[in-house]
N, C-alpha and C. Protein backbone atom coordinates (compact mmCIF):
# COMPACT_ATOMS: atom_id res chain seq x y z
N UNK A 1 112.96 125.58 103.53
CA UNK A 1 111.53 125.50 103.33
C UNK A 1 110.88 126.64 104.12
N UNK A 2 109.98 127.35 103.47
CA UNK A 2 109.34 128.48 104.12
C UNK A 2 108.37 128.00 105.21
N UNK A 3 108.03 128.92 106.10
CA UNK A 3 107.12 128.58 107.20
C UNK A 3 105.75 128.15 106.68
N UNK A 4 105.25 128.83 105.65
CA UNK A 4 103.92 128.50 105.12
C UNK A 4 103.91 127.08 104.54
N UNK A 5 105.00 126.70 103.91
CA UNK A 5 105.09 125.34 103.35
C UNK A 5 105.17 124.32 104.48
N UNK A 6 105.95 124.61 105.51
CA UNK A 6 106.04 123.71 106.66
C UNK A 6 104.68 123.54 107.33
N UNK A 7 103.96 124.63 107.49
CA UNK A 7 102.63 124.58 108.10
C UNK A 7 101.69 123.77 107.22
N UNK A 8 101.74 124.01 105.92
CA UNK A 8 100.88 123.28 104.98
C UNK A 8 101.17 121.78 105.03
N UNK A 9 102.45 121.42 105.03
CA UNK A 9 102.83 120.00 105.08
C UNK A 9 102.31 119.35 106.37
N UNK A 10 102.42 120.09 107.47
CA UNK A 10 101.95 119.55 108.74
C UNK A 10 100.43 119.38 108.74
N UNK A 11 99.71 120.40 108.27
CA UNK A 11 98.24 120.33 108.25
C UNK A 11 97.73 119.27 107.28
N UNK A 12 98.42 119.09 106.18
CA UNK A 12 98.02 118.07 105.20
C UNK A 12 98.54 116.68 105.56
N UNK A 13 99.33 116.61 106.61
CA UNK A 13 99.90 115.35 107.11
C UNK A 13 100.70 114.62 106.03
N UNK A 14 101.51 115.39 105.30
CA UNK A 14 102.32 114.84 104.22
C UNK A 14 103.22 113.71 104.72
N UNK A 15 103.88 113.93 105.84
CA UNK A 15 104.80 112.92 106.39
C UNK A 15 104.05 111.62 106.69
N UNK A 16 102.87 111.72 107.29
CA UNK A 16 102.09 110.53 107.62
C UNK A 16 101.61 109.80 106.37
N UNK A 17 101.25 110.56 105.34
CA UNK A 17 100.81 109.95 104.08
C UNK A 17 101.95 109.16 103.45
N UNK A 18 103.13 109.77 103.41
CA UNK A 18 104.30 109.10 102.83
C UNK A 18 104.65 107.85 103.64
N UNK A 19 104.60 107.94 104.96
CA UNK A 19 104.88 106.78 105.81
C UNK A 19 103.88 105.65 105.55
N UNK A 20 102.61 105.99 105.41
CA UNK A 20 101.58 104.97 105.15
C UNK A 20 101.79 104.32 103.79
N UNK A 21 102.05 105.12 102.76
CA UNK A 21 102.31 104.57 101.44
C UNK A 21 103.51 103.63 101.47
N UNK A 22 104.56 104.06 102.12
CA UNK A 22 105.77 103.24 102.22
C UNK A 22 105.50 101.93 102.94
N UNK A 23 104.65 101.97 103.96
CA UNK A 23 104.37 100.76 104.74
C UNK A 23 103.60 99.71 103.94
N UNK A 24 102.87 100.11 102.92
CA UNK A 24 102.11 99.14 102.13
C UNK A 24 102.78 98.78 100.81
N UNK A 25 103.90 99.43 100.50
CA UNK A 25 104.63 99.10 99.28
C UNK A 25 105.28 97.73 99.43
N UNK A 26 105.31 96.98 98.35
CA UNK A 26 105.85 95.62 98.38
C UNK A 26 107.33 95.61 98.03
N UNK A 27 107.67 96.30 96.96
CA UNK A 27 109.05 96.26 96.47
C UNK A 27 109.94 97.27 97.17
N UNK A 28 111.16 96.86 97.52
CA UNK A 28 112.10 97.79 98.18
C UNK A 28 112.36 99.03 97.34
N UNK A 29 112.46 98.87 96.02
CA UNK A 29 112.72 100.02 95.15
C UNK A 29 111.56 101.02 95.21
N UNK A 30 110.35 100.51 95.28
CA UNK A 30 109.18 101.38 95.37
C UNK A 30 109.16 102.10 96.71
N UNK A 31 109.54 101.40 97.78
CA UNK A 31 109.63 102.04 99.10
C UNK A 31 110.61 103.22 99.05
N UNK A 32 111.75 103.02 98.37
CA UNK A 32 112.73 104.11 98.25
C UNK A 32 112.14 105.30 97.51
N UNK A 33 111.43 105.02 96.44
CA UNK A 33 110.80 106.10 95.65
C UNK A 33 109.80 106.86 96.52
N UNK A 34 108.98 106.11 97.24
CA UNK A 34 107.97 106.74 98.10
C UNK A 34 108.63 107.58 99.18
N UNK A 35 109.65 107.03 99.81
CA UNK A 35 110.34 107.75 100.89
C UNK A 35 110.97 109.07 100.41
N UNK A 36 111.26 109.15 99.12
CA UNK A 36 111.88 110.36 98.57
C UNK A 36 110.87 111.30 97.89
N UNK A 37 109.58 111.00 98.03
CA UNK A 37 108.56 111.85 97.42
C UNK A 37 108.55 113.24 98.06
N UNK A 38 108.32 114.22 97.24
CA UNK A 38 108.18 115.60 97.69
C UNK A 38 106.94 116.19 97.03
N UNK A 39 106.15 116.94 97.76
CA UNK A 39 105.01 117.61 97.13
C UNK A 39 105.48 118.55 96.02
N UNK A 40 104.64 118.71 95.03
CA UNK A 40 104.98 119.55 93.89
C UNK A 40 103.90 120.60 93.67
N UNK A 41 104.31 121.76 93.18
CA UNK A 41 103.34 122.77 92.77
C UNK A 41 103.45 123.04 91.27
N UNK A 42 104.14 122.14 90.55
CA UNK A 42 104.27 122.23 89.10
C UNK A 42 103.00 121.66 88.48
N UNK A 43 102.16 122.52 87.95
CA UNK A 43 100.84 122.12 87.46
C UNK A 43 100.93 121.10 86.32
N UNK A 44 101.91 121.24 85.44
CA UNK A 44 102.05 120.29 84.33
C UNK A 44 102.45 118.92 84.84
N UNK A 45 103.36 118.88 85.79
CA UNK A 45 103.78 117.62 86.40
C UNK A 45 102.60 116.96 87.12
N UNK A 46 101.82 117.76 87.81
CA UNK A 46 100.65 117.23 88.52
C UNK A 46 99.60 116.68 87.56
N UNK A 47 99.41 117.34 86.41
CA UNK A 47 98.45 116.85 85.41
C UNK A 47 98.87 115.48 84.90
N UNK A 48 100.16 115.33 84.61
CA UNK A 48 100.68 114.04 84.13
C UNK A 48 100.47 112.96 85.19
N UNK A 49 100.78 113.27 86.43
CA UNK A 49 100.62 112.29 87.50
C UNK A 49 99.16 111.93 87.71
N UNK A 50 98.26 112.89 87.60
CA UNK A 50 96.82 112.59 87.72
C UNK A 50 96.35 111.70 86.59
N UNK A 51 96.87 111.91 85.38
CA UNK A 51 96.54 111.03 84.26
C UNK A 51 97.03 109.61 84.54
N UNK A 52 98.22 109.48 85.14
CA UNK A 52 98.74 108.16 85.50
C UNK A 52 97.85 107.49 86.53
N UNK A 53 97.39 108.24 87.50
CA UNK A 53 96.49 107.69 88.53
C UNK A 53 95.17 107.26 87.89
N UNK A 54 94.63 108.08 86.99
CA UNK A 54 93.39 107.72 86.29
C UNK A 54 93.55 106.42 85.51
N UNK A 55 94.68 106.28 84.82
CA UNK A 55 94.93 105.07 84.05
C UNK A 55 95.03 103.86 84.97
N UNK A 56 95.75 103.99 86.08
CA UNK A 56 95.87 102.89 87.04
C UNK A 56 94.50 102.51 87.60
N UNK A 57 93.69 103.49 87.90
CA UNK A 57 92.36 103.23 88.43
C UNK A 57 91.50 102.49 87.41
N UNK A 58 91.58 102.89 86.14
CA UNK A 58 90.82 102.20 85.09
C UNK A 58 91.25 100.73 84.98
N UNK A 59 92.55 100.48 85.08
CA UNK A 59 93.06 99.11 85.01
C UNK A 59 92.55 98.30 86.20
N UNK A 60 92.65 98.88 87.39
CA UNK A 60 92.19 98.17 88.59
C UNK A 60 90.70 97.90 88.52
N UNK A 61 89.92 98.85 88.05
CA UNK A 61 88.47 98.65 87.95
C UNK A 61 88.14 97.59 86.91
N UNK A 62 88.89 97.54 85.83
CA UNK A 62 88.64 96.55 84.78
C UNK A 62 88.95 95.14 85.26
N UNK A 63 90.08 94.98 85.98
CA UNK A 63 90.51 93.65 86.41
C UNK A 63 90.15 93.34 87.86
N UNK A 64 89.54 94.29 88.55
CA UNK A 64 89.17 94.19 89.95
C UNK A 64 90.38 94.08 90.88
N UNK A 65 91.55 94.31 90.36
CA UNK A 65 92.79 94.37 91.14
C UNK A 65 93.89 94.82 90.19
N UNK A 66 95.03 95.15 90.73
CA UNK A 66 96.17 95.43 89.87
C UNK A 66 96.57 94.11 89.22
N UNK A 67 96.64 94.02 87.89
CA UNK A 67 96.86 92.75 87.23
C UNK A 67 98.27 92.20 87.36
N UNK A 68 99.19 92.98 87.90
CA UNK A 68 100.58 92.53 87.99
C UNK A 68 100.96 92.45 89.46
N UNK A 69 101.42 91.28 89.86
CA UNK A 69 101.94 91.13 91.22
C UNK A 69 103.40 90.71 91.09
N UNK A 70 104.28 91.57 91.48
CA UNK A 70 105.71 91.30 91.39
C UNK A 70 106.28 91.45 92.79
N UNK A 71 107.02 90.45 93.23
CA UNK A 71 107.62 90.55 94.55
C UNK A 71 109.14 90.61 94.48
N UNK A 72 109.65 90.93 93.30
CA UNK A 72 111.09 91.08 93.14
C UNK A 72 111.36 92.31 92.28
N UNK A 73 112.61 92.53 91.98
CA UNK A 73 113.00 93.70 91.19
C UNK A 73 112.42 93.59 89.79
N UNK A 74 111.59 94.53 89.42
CA UNK A 74 110.90 94.49 88.14
C UNK A 74 111.69 95.15 87.01
N UNK A 75 112.79 95.81 87.33
CA UNK A 75 113.55 96.52 86.28
C UNK A 75 114.10 95.57 85.23
N UNK A 76 114.54 94.37 85.63
CA UNK A 76 115.06 93.42 84.65
C UNK A 76 113.95 92.94 83.72
N UNK A 77 112.74 92.77 84.27
CA UNK A 77 111.60 92.36 83.45
C UNK A 77 111.26 93.45 82.44
N UNK A 78 111.24 94.70 82.89
CA UNK A 78 110.96 95.81 81.97
C UNK A 78 112.03 95.92 80.89
N UNK A 79 113.27 95.70 81.27
CA UNK A 79 114.37 95.75 80.30
C UNK A 79 114.16 94.72 79.20
N UNK A 80 113.78 93.51 79.59
CA UNK A 80 113.50 92.47 78.60
C UNK A 80 112.30 92.84 77.71
N UNK A 81 111.27 93.41 78.32
CA UNK A 81 110.08 93.79 77.55
C UNK A 81 110.43 94.85 76.52
N UNK A 82 111.27 95.80 76.89
CA UNK A 82 111.67 96.84 75.94
C UNK A 82 112.48 96.25 74.79
N UNK A 83 113.14 95.13 75.03
CA UNK A 83 113.91 94.47 73.97
C UNK A 83 113.05 93.49 73.19
N UNK A 84 111.72 93.55 73.44
CA UNK A 84 110.73 92.71 72.77
C UNK A 84 110.89 91.23 73.04
N UNK A 85 111.43 90.90 74.21
CA UNK A 85 111.53 89.50 74.60
C UNK A 85 110.15 88.99 74.99
N UNK A 86 109.94 87.70 74.88
CA UNK A 86 108.67 87.11 75.30
C UNK A 86 108.70 86.92 76.81
N UNK A 87 107.66 87.40 77.48
CA UNK A 87 107.58 87.30 78.92
C UNK A 87 106.48 86.32 79.30
N UNK A 88 106.74 85.50 80.29
CA UNK A 88 105.71 84.56 80.74
C UNK A 88 104.83 85.19 81.77
């Protein structure tokens, strides 16, 4: 990592942001994803992620909270949904 990137990460407190996000994550799998986050300078990737954030914000504003609360591994639930199973 170049010196300018190290300086930028320190000034932007990237490590502290990742630690804070990880501390409020509920699912262990999400904590792993957060812990492995790396800043990106890929503009197309950033646009997609900003669209995802906008969509999440719209959902939260509509329901006044995130409408899904899962405290276990959600991958099995998603797998069933993709197979068009009925979910309770």
